[in-house]
Protein backbone atom coordinates (compact mmCIF):
# COMPACT_ATOMS: atom_id res chain seq x y z
CA MET A 1 -103.51 70.46 14.39
CA PRO A 2 -103.64 74.27 14.41
CA GLN A 3 -102.85 76.30 11.31
CA ASN A 4 -102.34 73.27 9.06
CA ASP A 5 -102.23 69.50 9.00
CA ALA A 6 -98.45 69.33 9.38
CA VAL A 7 -97.08 66.02 10.59
CA SER A 8 -93.98 67.68 12.07
CA LEU A 9 -92.71 70.96 13.48
CA ALA A 10 -90.54 71.53 10.42
CA GLN A 11 -93.59 71.31 8.17
CA ALA A 12 -95.54 73.64 10.46
CA ILE A 13 -92.97 76.43 10.11
CA SER A 14 -92.23 75.88 6.42
CA ASP A 15 -95.02 78.12 5.06
CA PRO A 16 -93.17 81.12 3.53
CA ALA A 17 -96.16 83.38 4.17
CA ARG A 18 -95.80 82.89 7.92
CA ARG A 19 -92.12 82.32 8.56
CA SER A 20 -90.59 85.67 7.64
CA GLN A 21 -89.40 87.76 10.57
CA ARG A 22 -90.01 84.91 13.01
CA PHE A 23 -87.24 84.16 15.47
CA ILE A 24 -86.22 82.16 18.49
CA TRP A 25 -84.01 84.28 20.76
CA SER A 26 -81.75 83.14 23.55
CA ALA A 27 -79.59 85.29 25.80
CA GLU A 28 -76.62 84.77 23.47
CA THR A 29 -78.00 84.49 19.94
CA GLN A 30 -81.00 84.30 17.65
CA VAL A 31 -82.20 81.91 14.97
CA ALA A 32 -84.51 82.89 12.13
CA LEU A 33 -87.13 80.16 11.65
CA GLY A 34 -87.14 80.79 7.93
CA ASP A 35 -83.49 79.71 7.73
CA LEU A 36 -83.96 76.27 9.26
CA GLY A 37 -84.84 74.60 5.99
CA ALA A 38 -81.35 75.33 4.67
CA ARG A 39 -79.35 75.30 7.91
CA SER A 40 -78.69 72.71 10.60
CA SER A 41 -77.36 72.62 14.16
CA LEU A 42 -76.45 68.90 13.98
CA ASP A 43 -73.10 67.49 12.92
CA CYS A 44 -74.75 64.74 10.86
CA SER A 45 -77.47 64.40 8.28
CA ILE A 46 -80.94 64.13 9.76
CA GLU A 47 -81.44 60.97 7.68
CA GLU A 48 -78.83 59.26 9.85
CA LEU A 49 -81.24 59.63 12.79
CA ARG A 50 -84.34 58.45 10.95
CA ALA A 51 -86.43 55.94 12.93
CA ARG A 52 -84.13 56.17 15.95
CA SER A 53 -85.02 56.74 19.59
CA VAL A 54 -83.13 59.96 20.30
CA LEU A 55 -82.29 61.42 23.71
CA ILE A 56 -81.99 65.22 23.54
CA LEU A 57 -79.65 66.25 26.35
CA THR A 58 -78.41 69.85 26.14
CA ARG A 59 -76.99 72.60 28.29
CA ASP A 60 -79.30 75.30 26.94
CA GLN A 61 -82.83 75.62 25.67
CA LEU A 62 -82.09 76.94 22.20
CA THR A 63 -79.99 73.90 21.33
CA ALA A 64 -82.83 71.64 22.46
CA ALA A 65 -85.36 73.72 20.49
CA LEU A 66 -83.37 73.38 17.26
CA ALA A 67 -82.97 69.63 17.76
CA LEU A 68 -86.72 69.23 18.27
CA ILE A 69 -87.54 71.16 15.10
CA GLN A 70 -85.06 69.21 13.00
CA LEU A 71 -85.82 65.72 14.34
CA ASP A 72 -89.60 65.76 14.83
CA GLY A 73 -91.04 63.82 11.91
CA ILE A 74 -87.71 62.02 11.36
CA ALA A 75 -86.93 60.23 14.63
CA ARG A 76 -89.10 57.40 15.87
CA ARG A 77 -88.96 58.79 19.38
CA LEU A 78 -87.68 62.01 20.98
CA VAL A 79 -86.78 61.85 24.67
CA LEU A 80 -86.61 65.41 26.01
CA CYS A 81 -84.36 65.54 29.05
CA PRO A 82 -84.92 68.38 31.56
CA PRO A 83 -81.81 70.29 32.68
CA ASP A 84 -81.88 69.21 36.34
CA VAL A 85 -82.01 65.45 35.79
CA ASP A 86 -79.60 63.53 38.01
CA ALA A 87 -76.81 62.15 35.80
CA ALA A 88 -76.94 58.94 37.81
CA HIS A 89 -80.41 58.28 36.34
CA LEU A 90 -79.40 58.68 32.69
CA PRO A 91 -78.50 55.00 32.15
CA PHE A 92 -82.01 54.12 33.40
CA VAL A 93 -83.52 56.67 31.02
CA THR A 94 -81.62 55.42 27.99
CA ALA A 95 -82.46 51.80 28.75
CA THR A 96 -86.14 52.42 29.54
CA ALA A 97 -86.74 54.62 26.49
CA GLU A 98 -84.67 52.29 24.27
CA VAL A 99 -82.42 55.18 23.29
CA ASP A 100 -80.08 54.35 20.41
CA ALA A 101 -78.79 57.88 19.72
CA VAL A 102 -77.96 60.92 21.84
CA VAL A 103 -78.04 64.49 20.53
CA SER A 104 -76.11 66.74 22.87
CA ASP A 105 -73.87 69.78 23.23
CA TYR A 106 -71.91 67.99 25.96
CA ALA A 107 -68.62 66.38 24.96
CA PRO A 108 -68.83 62.58 24.45
CA ALA A 109 -66.51 62.04 27.42
CA GLU A 110 -69.01 63.85 29.65
CA MET A 111 -71.82 61.50 28.66
CA GLY A 112 -70.36 58.37 30.26
CA ALA A 113 -72.78 55.46 30.41
CA ALA A 114 -75.64 57.62 29.12
CA GLN A 115 -74.47 57.67 25.52
CA GLY A 116 -77.15 55.19 24.46
CA GLY A 117 -75.61 54.27 21.11
CA ARG A 118 -74.71 56.85 18.49
CA PHE A 119 -73.54 60.27 19.73
CA VAL A 120 -74.40 63.36 17.65
CA ALA A 121 -73.01 66.76 18.55
CA CYS A 122 -75.29 69.78 18.24
CA SER A 123 -75.16 73.45 19.14
CA SER A 124 -77.22 76.63 19.15
CA ARG A 125 -75.36 77.80 16.05
CA THR A 126 -76.51 76.70 12.62
CA SER A 127 -74.55 76.13 9.44
CA PRO A 128 -75.60 75.55 5.81
CA THR A 129 -76.90 72.08 4.96
CA ASP A 130 -78.28 70.32 1.92
CA ASP A 131 -80.41 67.95 4.02
CA VAL A 132 -83.68 66.88 2.42
CA ARG A 133 -86.27 65.80 4.97
CA GLY A 134 -87.96 63.16 2.84
CA GLU A 135 -90.93 61.21 4.16
CA GLN A 136 -92.37 62.44 7.46
CA ARG A 137 -93.49 60.20 10.30
CA ALA A 138 -95.47 60.71 13.50
CA THR A 139 -92.75 60.97 16.15
CA GLU A 140 -93.38 59.85 19.71
CA TRP A 141 -92.43 62.45 22.34
CA ILE A 142 -91.21 61.24 25.75
CA LEU A 143 -91.42 63.77 28.60
CA PHE A 144 -90.39 63.56 32.23
CA THR A 145 -93.12 64.09 34.80
CA SER A 146 -92.60 66.56 37.66
CA GLY A 147 -92.56 66.03 41.38
CA THR A 148 -90.91 62.62 41.45
CA SER A 149 -87.86 61.48 43.38
CA GLY A 150 -85.60 58.61 42.44
CA ALA A 151 -85.67 57.24 38.91
CA PRO A 152 -87.57 59.63 36.60
CA LYS A 153 -91.12 58.88 35.53
CA MET A 154 -91.66 59.32 31.82
CA VAL A 155 -94.83 59.51 29.74
CA SER A 156 -95.55 59.17 26.03
CA HIS A 157 -97.11 61.99 24.02
CA SER A 158 -97.62 62.78 20.35
CA LEU A 159 -97.31 66.18 18.70
CA ALA A 160 -101.10 66.12 18.33
CA SER A 161 -101.69 65.56 22.06
CA LEU A 162 -99.14 68.22 23.00
CA ALA A 163 -100.70 70.73 20.60
CA GLY A 164 -104.31 69.88 21.41
CA ALA A 165 -104.94 73.12 23.31
CA ILE A 166 -103.61 75.34 20.53
CA GLN A 167 -106.65 76.55 18.60
CA ALA A 168 -106.34 77.56 14.96
CA GLY A 169 -107.23 81.23 14.54
CA GLY A 170 -107.80 81.74 18.25
CA HIS A 171 -106.89 84.93 20.09
CA LEU A 172 -103.52 83.38 21.05
CA ALA A 173 -102.57 82.67 17.42
CA GLY A 174 -100.84 85.03 15.04
CA ALA A 175 -97.63 87.03 14.98
CA ASN A 176 -97.32 87.21 18.75
CA VAL A 177 -93.99 87.38 20.53
CA TRP A 178 -94.08 84.75 23.25
CA SER A 179 -91.84 84.34 26.25
CA THR A 180 -91.90 82.25 29.37
CA PHE A 181 -90.05 81.80 32.63
CA TYR A 182 -90.44 78.05 32.09
CA ASP A 183 -87.82 75.84 30.51
CA ILE A 184 -89.06 74.33 27.24
CA ARG A 185 -87.63 70.95 28.26
CA ARG A 186 -90.50 70.62 30.72
CA TYR A 187 -94.18 70.37 29.82
CA GLY A 188 -95.15 73.94 30.72
CA GLY A 189 -92.36 75.51 28.69
CA LEU A 190 -92.85 73.08 25.83
CA GLN A 191 -96.44 74.27 25.53
CA ILE A 192 -95.24 77.85 24.95
CA PHE A 193 -92.60 76.69 22.48
CA LEU A 194 -95.32 74.91 20.49
CA ARG A 195 -97.74 77.84 20.76
CA ALA A 196 -95.14 80.15 19.26
CA LEU A 197 -94.12 77.79 16.45
CA LEU A 198 -97.52 76.42 15.51
CA GLY A 199 -99.37 79.68 16.08
CA GLY A 200 -97.18 81.78 13.79
CA GLY A 201 -95.21 83.72 16.40
CA SER A 202 -91.69 84.18 17.75
CA LEU A 203 -90.22 83.11 21.09
CA ALA A 204 -87.78 84.66 23.58
CA LEU A 205 -86.22 81.94 25.73
CA SER A 206 -85.08 82.45 29.30
CA SER A 207 -81.64 81.44 30.56
CA GLU A 208 -80.78 79.81 33.86
CA ALA A 209 -77.70 82.00 34.16
CA GLU A 210 -79.66 85.19 33.50
CA SER A 211 -81.00 87.37 36.31
CA THR A 212 -84.69 88.26 36.41
CA THR A 213 -83.73 91.86 35.64
CA ALA A 214 -81.66 90.90 32.58
CA PHE A 215 -84.33 88.53 31.27
CA LEU A 216 -87.14 91.05 31.60
CA THR A 217 -85.03 93.74 29.97
CA ARG A 218 -84.29 91.46 27.03
CA ALA A 219 -87.95 90.40 26.78
CA GLY A 220 -88.87 94.07 26.56
CA VAL A 221 -86.32 94.67 23.82
CA HIS A 222 -87.85 91.83 21.78
CA GLY A 223 -91.33 93.31 22.27
CA VAL A 224 -92.80 90.32 24.09
CA THR A 225 -96.60 90.37 23.89
CA HIS A 226 -97.48 87.06 25.61
CA MET A 227 -95.76 85.97 28.83
CA THR A 228 -96.26 82.92 31.07
CA GLY A 229 -94.91 81.59 34.36
CA THR A 230 -95.85 80.23 37.75
CA PRO A 231 -97.33 82.51 40.42
CA SER A 232 -93.91 82.32 42.12
CA HIS A 233 -92.24 83.52 38.90
CA TRP A 234 -94.62 86.45 38.75
CA ARG A 235 -94.19 87.32 42.43
CA ARG A 236 -90.43 87.44 41.93
CA THR A 237 -90.97 89.62 38.86
CA LEU A 238 -93.01 92.10 40.87
CA MET A 239 -90.43 92.01 43.66
CA SER A 240 -87.60 92.72 41.20
CA GLY A 241 -88.86 96.21 40.46
CA MET A 242 -88.40 95.49 36.76
CA ALA A 243 -91.93 94.38 35.86
CA GLN A 244 -92.36 97.57 33.84
CA GLN A 245 -89.72 96.39 31.37
CA ILE A 246 -92.42 94.42 29.53
CA SER A 247 -95.86 95.52 28.34
CA PRO A 248 -97.65 92.24 27.63
CA GLN A 249 -101.08 91.89 26.08
CA TYR A 250 -101.50 88.49 27.71
CA VAL A 251 -100.22 87.16 31.04
CA ARG A 252 -100.78 83.58 32.15
CA LEU A 253 -100.09 81.76 35.40
CA SER A 254 -99.94 77.99 35.85
CA GLY A 255 -98.05 75.33 37.79
CA GLU A 256 -99.20 76.57 41.21
CA ILE A 257 -102.43 77.87 42.71
CA ALA A 258 -103.17 81.38 41.43
CA ASP A 259 -104.72 83.14 44.41
CA GLN A 260 -106.63 86.40 44.13
CA SER A 261 -103.73 88.41 45.51
CA ILE A 262 -101.33 87.66 42.66
CA LEU A 263 -104.09 88.03 40.05
CA ASP A 264 -104.96 91.48 41.42
CA SER A 265 -101.30 92.49 41.58
CA LEU A 266 -100.78 91.57 37.93
CA ARG A 267 -103.95 93.38 36.93
CA ALA A 268 -102.64 96.51 38.64
CA GLN A 269 -99.24 96.16 36.92
CA TYR A 270 -100.61 95.34 33.46
CA PRO A 271 -104.09 96.95 33.28
CA ARG A 272 -104.45 96.40 29.51
CA ALA A 273 -103.45 92.74 29.51
CA THR A 274 -105.60 89.64 29.70
CA ILE A 275 -104.69 88.00 33.01
CA ALA A 276 -105.34 84.25 32.84
CA HIS A 277 -104.59 81.22 34.96
CA ALA A 278 -104.52 77.69 33.64
CA PHE A 279 -104.16 74.10 34.73
CA ALA A 280 -101.91 71.64 32.95
CA SER A 281 -99.76 68.66 33.84
CA THR A 282 -97.48 66.37 31.88
CA GLU A 283 -99.86 63.46 32.37
CA ALA A 284 -103.23 65.21 31.97
CA GLY A 285 -102.26 67.80 29.35
CA VAL A 286 -103.82 71.27 29.30
CA GLY A 287 -107.10 71.12 31.19
CA PHE A 288 -108.52 74.65 31.14
CA GLU A 289 -107.81 78.36 31.20
CA VAL A 290 -109.68 80.98 33.23
CA GLU A 291 -109.66 84.56 31.92
CA ASP A 292 -112.17 86.36 34.13
CA GLY A 293 -109.52 87.65 36.55
CA LEU A 294 -110.87 85.65 39.48
CA ALA A 295 -109.24 82.85 41.44
CA GLY A 296 -110.82 79.43 41.18
CA ILE A 297 -112.65 77.72 38.35
CA PRO A 298 -116.27 78.41 37.37
CA ALA A 299 -118.45 75.40 38.16
CA SER A 300 -119.81 75.70 34.62
CA PHE A 301 -116.52 74.24 33.35
CA PHE A 302 -117.42 70.87 34.85
CA GLY A 303 -119.71 68.03 33.84
CA HIS A 304 -119.59 68.41 30.06
CA ALA A 305 -117.09 68.41 27.21
CA ALA A 306 -115.68 71.79 26.14
CA HIS A 307 -113.02 72.00 23.42
CA GLY A 308 -112.59 68.25 23.75
CA VAL A 309 -111.87 68.33 27.50
CA GLU A 310 -114.06 66.92 30.28
CA LEU A 311 -113.54 67.90 33.92
CA LYS A 312 -114.99 66.31 37.01
CA VAL A 313 -114.33 66.13 40.74
CA GLU A 314 -114.27 62.68 42.24
CA ASP A 315 -113.23 61.84 45.81
CA GLY A 316 -112.35 65.52 46.13
CA SER A 317 -109.74 65.63 43.38
CA LEU A 318 -109.71 67.06 39.86
CA ARG A 319 -109.95 64.53 37.04
CA ILE A 320 -109.44 65.28 33.34
CA ARG A 321 -110.35 63.34 30.20
CA SER A 322 -109.25 64.54 26.75
CA ALA A 323 -107.15 63.75 23.70
CA ARG A 324 -104.45 65.93 25.27
CA THR A 325 -103.52 63.40 27.94
CA ALA A 326 -100.37 61.32 27.75
CA ARG A 327 -100.74 57.88 26.18
CA HIS A 328 -99.05 55.83 28.89
CA TYR A 329 -96.07 55.64 31.21
CA VAL A 330 -92.86 54.56 29.51
CA GLY A 331 -91.26 51.39 30.78
CA ASN A 332 -93.95 51.01 33.42
CA GLU A 333 -97.03 50.33 31.32
CA ARG A 334 -98.58 48.31 34.14
CA THR A 335 -99.04 51.52 36.13
CA ALA A 336 -102.39 52.89 34.97
CA LEU A 337 -102.30 56.47 33.73
CA LEU A 338 -106.07 56.62 33.17
CA ASP A 339 -108.88 55.33 35.36
CA ALA A 340 -111.57 52.96 34.08
CA ASP A 341 -113.47 55.88 32.50
CA GLY A 342 -110.43 57.36 30.76
CA TYR A 343 -109.77 60.20 33.24
CA VAL A 344 -106.41 61.23 34.69
CA ASP A 345 -106.57 61.74 38.45
CA THR A 346 -104.44 64.87 38.93
CA GLY A 347 -104.22 64.56 42.72
CA ASP A 348 -105.20 68.22 43.08
CA VAL A 349 -107.91 68.74 45.69
CA LEU A 350 -110.83 71.07 44.88
CA GLU A 351 -113.49 72.64 47.08
CA LEU A 352 -116.74 74.12 45.75
CA ARG A 353 -117.67 77.53 47.17
CA ASP A 354 -120.22 79.99 45.77
CA GLY A 355 -120.30 78.58 42.27
CA ARG A 356 -116.53 78.18 41.82
CA TYR A 357 -114.10 75.39 42.51
CA TYR A 358 -110.98 76.39 44.42
CA PHE A 359 -107.75 74.45 44.72
CA SER A 360 -107.01 73.47 48.31
CA GLY A 361 -103.69 71.80 47.55
CA ARG A 362 -102.11 68.51 46.57
CA ARG A 363 -103.49 65.29 47.99
CA GLY A 364 -99.94 64.18 48.83
CA GLY A 365 -98.94 67.47 50.49
CA ILE A 366 -101.30 67.43 53.47
CA ILE A 367 -100.05 68.35 56.95
CA ASN A 368 -101.55 66.15 59.66
CA VAL A 369 -102.20 68.15 62.84
CA GLY A 370 -103.44 65.76 65.48
CA GLY A 371 -105.43 63.80 62.89
CA LEU A 372 -106.83 66.93 61.21
CA LYS A 373 -105.81 67.79 57.64
CA VAL A 374 -104.23 71.04 56.52
CA HIS A 375 -103.46 71.96 52.91
CA PRO A 376 -100.52 74.40 53.01
CA GLU A 377 -101.73 76.22 49.88
CA GLU A 378 -105.06 77.05 51.52
CA VAL A 379 -103.29 78.80 54.39
CA GLU A 380 -100.88 80.57 52.01
CA ALA A 381 -103.81 82.00 50.05
CA VAL A 382 -105.09 83.66 53.23
CA ILE A 383 -101.65 84.99 54.20
CA ASN A 384 -100.99 86.35 50.70
CA ARG A 385 -104.09 88.55 50.91
CA HIS A 386 -102.32 90.86 53.34
CA PRO A 387 -101.25 93.99 51.44
CA ARG A 388 -97.67 93.82 52.78
CA VAL A 389 -97.06 90.17 51.88
CA GLN A 390 -95.45 89.29 48.53
CA MET A 391 -95.37 85.51 48.94
CA SER A 392 -95.45 82.85 51.64
CA LEU A 393 -94.63 79.23 52.38
CA VAL A 394 -96.56 77.14 54.89
CA ARG A 395 -94.99 73.93 56.16
CA SER A 396 -95.12 71.57 59.09
CA ARG A 397 -92.95 71.44 62.20
CA LYS A 398 -92.80 68.47 64.53
CA SER A 399 -94.81 68.69 67.73
CA PRO A 400 -94.70 66.24 70.67
CA VAL A 401 -98.40 66.84 71.29
CA THR A 402 -100.09 66.83 67.86
CA GLY A 403 -97.34 65.25 65.76
CA ALA A 404 -97.10 68.40 63.66
CA ILE A 405 -97.99 72.07 63.77
CA VAL A 406 -98.36 74.63 61.00
CA VAL A 407 -95.70 77.33 60.61
CA ALA A 408 -95.28 80.00 57.95
CA GLU A 409 -92.49 81.95 56.31
CA ILE A 410 -93.35 85.19 54.54
CA VAL A 411 -91.58 87.58 52.18
CA LEU A 412 -92.61 91.22 52.39
CA LYS A 413 -93.22 93.42 49.37
CA PRO A 414 -89.90 95.08 48.52
CA GLU A 415 -91.05 98.68 48.99
CA LEU A 416 -92.14 97.78 52.54
CA ALA A 417 -89.45 95.33 53.60
CA ALA A 418 -86.63 97.88 53.56
CA THR A 419 -88.30 100.22 56.04
CA ALA A 420 -89.96 97.67 58.31
CA ALA A 421 -88.99 98.00 61.96
CA SER A 422 -89.12 95.16 64.46
CA SER A 423 -92.24 96.60 66.12
CA GLU A 424 -93.95 96.92 62.75
CA ASN A 425 -93.17 93.31 61.96
CA SER A 426 -94.69 92.21 65.25
CA THR A 427 -97.85 94.11 64.36
CA LEU A 428 -97.83 92.58 60.89
CA LYS A 429 -97.58 89.05 62.27
CA ALA A 430 -100.48 89.74 64.62
CA GLU A 431 -102.58 91.06 61.72
CA ILE A 432 -101.84 87.95 59.63
CA LEU A 433 -102.71 85.63 62.50
CA GLU A 434 -105.96 87.50 63.07
CA SER A 435 -106.93 87.12 59.41
CA CYS A 436 -106.06 83.41 59.57
CA HIS A 437 -108.26 82.96 62.66
CA ARG A 438 -111.15 84.64 60.81
CA ALA A 439 -110.80 82.57 57.65
CA LEU A 440 -109.53 79.19 58.82
CA ALA A 441 -110.25 76.46 61.33
CA ALA A 442 -108.10 76.69 64.46
CA HIS A 443 -105.82 73.76 63.54
CA LYS A 444 -104.91 75.48 60.23
CA VAL A 445 -103.72 78.72 61.82
CA PRO A 446 -99.90 79.00 61.90
CA ALA A 447 -98.35 78.53 65.31
CA ALA A 448 -95.44 80.72 64.24
CA ILE A 449 -94.67 83.20 61.48
CA ARG A 450 -91.16 84.11 60.35
CA ILE A 451 -90.25 86.96 57.99
CA VAL A 452 -87.55 85.90 55.51
CA PRO A 453 -85.79 87.80 52.70
CA SER A 454 -86.65 85.20 50.04
CA LEU A 455 -88.04 81.73 49.42
CA GLU A 456 -86.37 78.99 47.44
CA VAL A 457 -87.93 78.24 44.06
CA THR A 458 -87.47 74.93 42.25
CA PRO A 459 -86.10 74.71 38.67
CA SER A 460 -89.70 74.38 37.46
CA GLY A 461 -90.60 77.72 39.06
CA LYS A 462 -92.57 76.47 42.05
CA VAL A 463 -91.96 77.31 45.70
CA ALA A 464 -89.73 74.55 47.10
CA ARG A 465 -91.72 72.62 49.67
CA PRO A 466 -89.57 70.70 52.20
CA ASN A 467 -90.69 67.27 53.25
CA ALA A 468 -92.77 67.31 56.40
């Protein structure tokens, strides 16, 4: 594990030489990491939760962060519940993960059937405690996977697998001030939480109730040096007109395809920053990071082990093998997480062009146009190249002839949208269609383009894709 051989998060932040002046900030308050040895956010002794399977269910991120720090190494299992989980699924979660204690800032009466045994109140405020941690244990971490409907899918991780991509002494370690648009109760945000804690830095958390403007202003006040989010997060940042509130040294995109347009826009906005894009998933862990400023993945990344990770393309999709992958599905161990060779099939389709692999889209998100396949993300990448387009969404529309046709919705860059006349928009649509005809097969070209003021983004920061 980076920085030391700590069994738990509390041990990792206990080094006095590295904990001074390190904080976790939320929109409402701050917590000094150096105080956590003598202060607690729980209304019970941590020893009362030793060896339990604990569901962490909180309104805000800071409360969840404090619970993770205090209970990792004490609890047998930590089940980290994302904020948008359907309450109707909580009894399934507690039963499947064998939860026998719930740590929450909700009132017990609000928990209903999800209490799962002992209820422990917690908050984002800390108070003095004389808790002694005692013997540490390797805690199992249970995370929810993304992109599922119905009962949540959960996978098992360890702190070691979650922290596998965090290199001791690397250029991302040290007294950096991290921030992220992600929520730390999902895999992407949890990675940044761990990078800050284990790497020796501080962390500014986002808030669901906070506007993009307010969050960026606060991140600037805290002197954020390292910032991460999805391409959609970054497009909204650029559209907000407040991107100049931060001056990061490092900008990373993940969670969606990072096309050349958004990479170039961020390079123009932050010319002194490293602009990187990465691939990670809850099941596969962190696969790779690309820092050369170009879309796609160098072919040299494939076919050999690098930093303990092996990448390959099989049947068109990206597969990853490493110690960073989840151990297994929880409560559904018969569903194979790994293939016979130990790889996770990510379901992300890659195409090799000129020495780089490019993401075409998700295997399950294909539009079928008269028997011909269209990946929406491939079409969006072409549309987003237009200098007046900020972001786009390509989806299907029913057709009596082909079964489906491709249509697109686009958001204009803010400095251009306000002055655009109807005739200009007609010209713009024609220009986009012409570029699509040049770059794409005929069945992939949108049959219609609509200019919209905004696009819906999911709680995980990705463009919301309606079912075909």
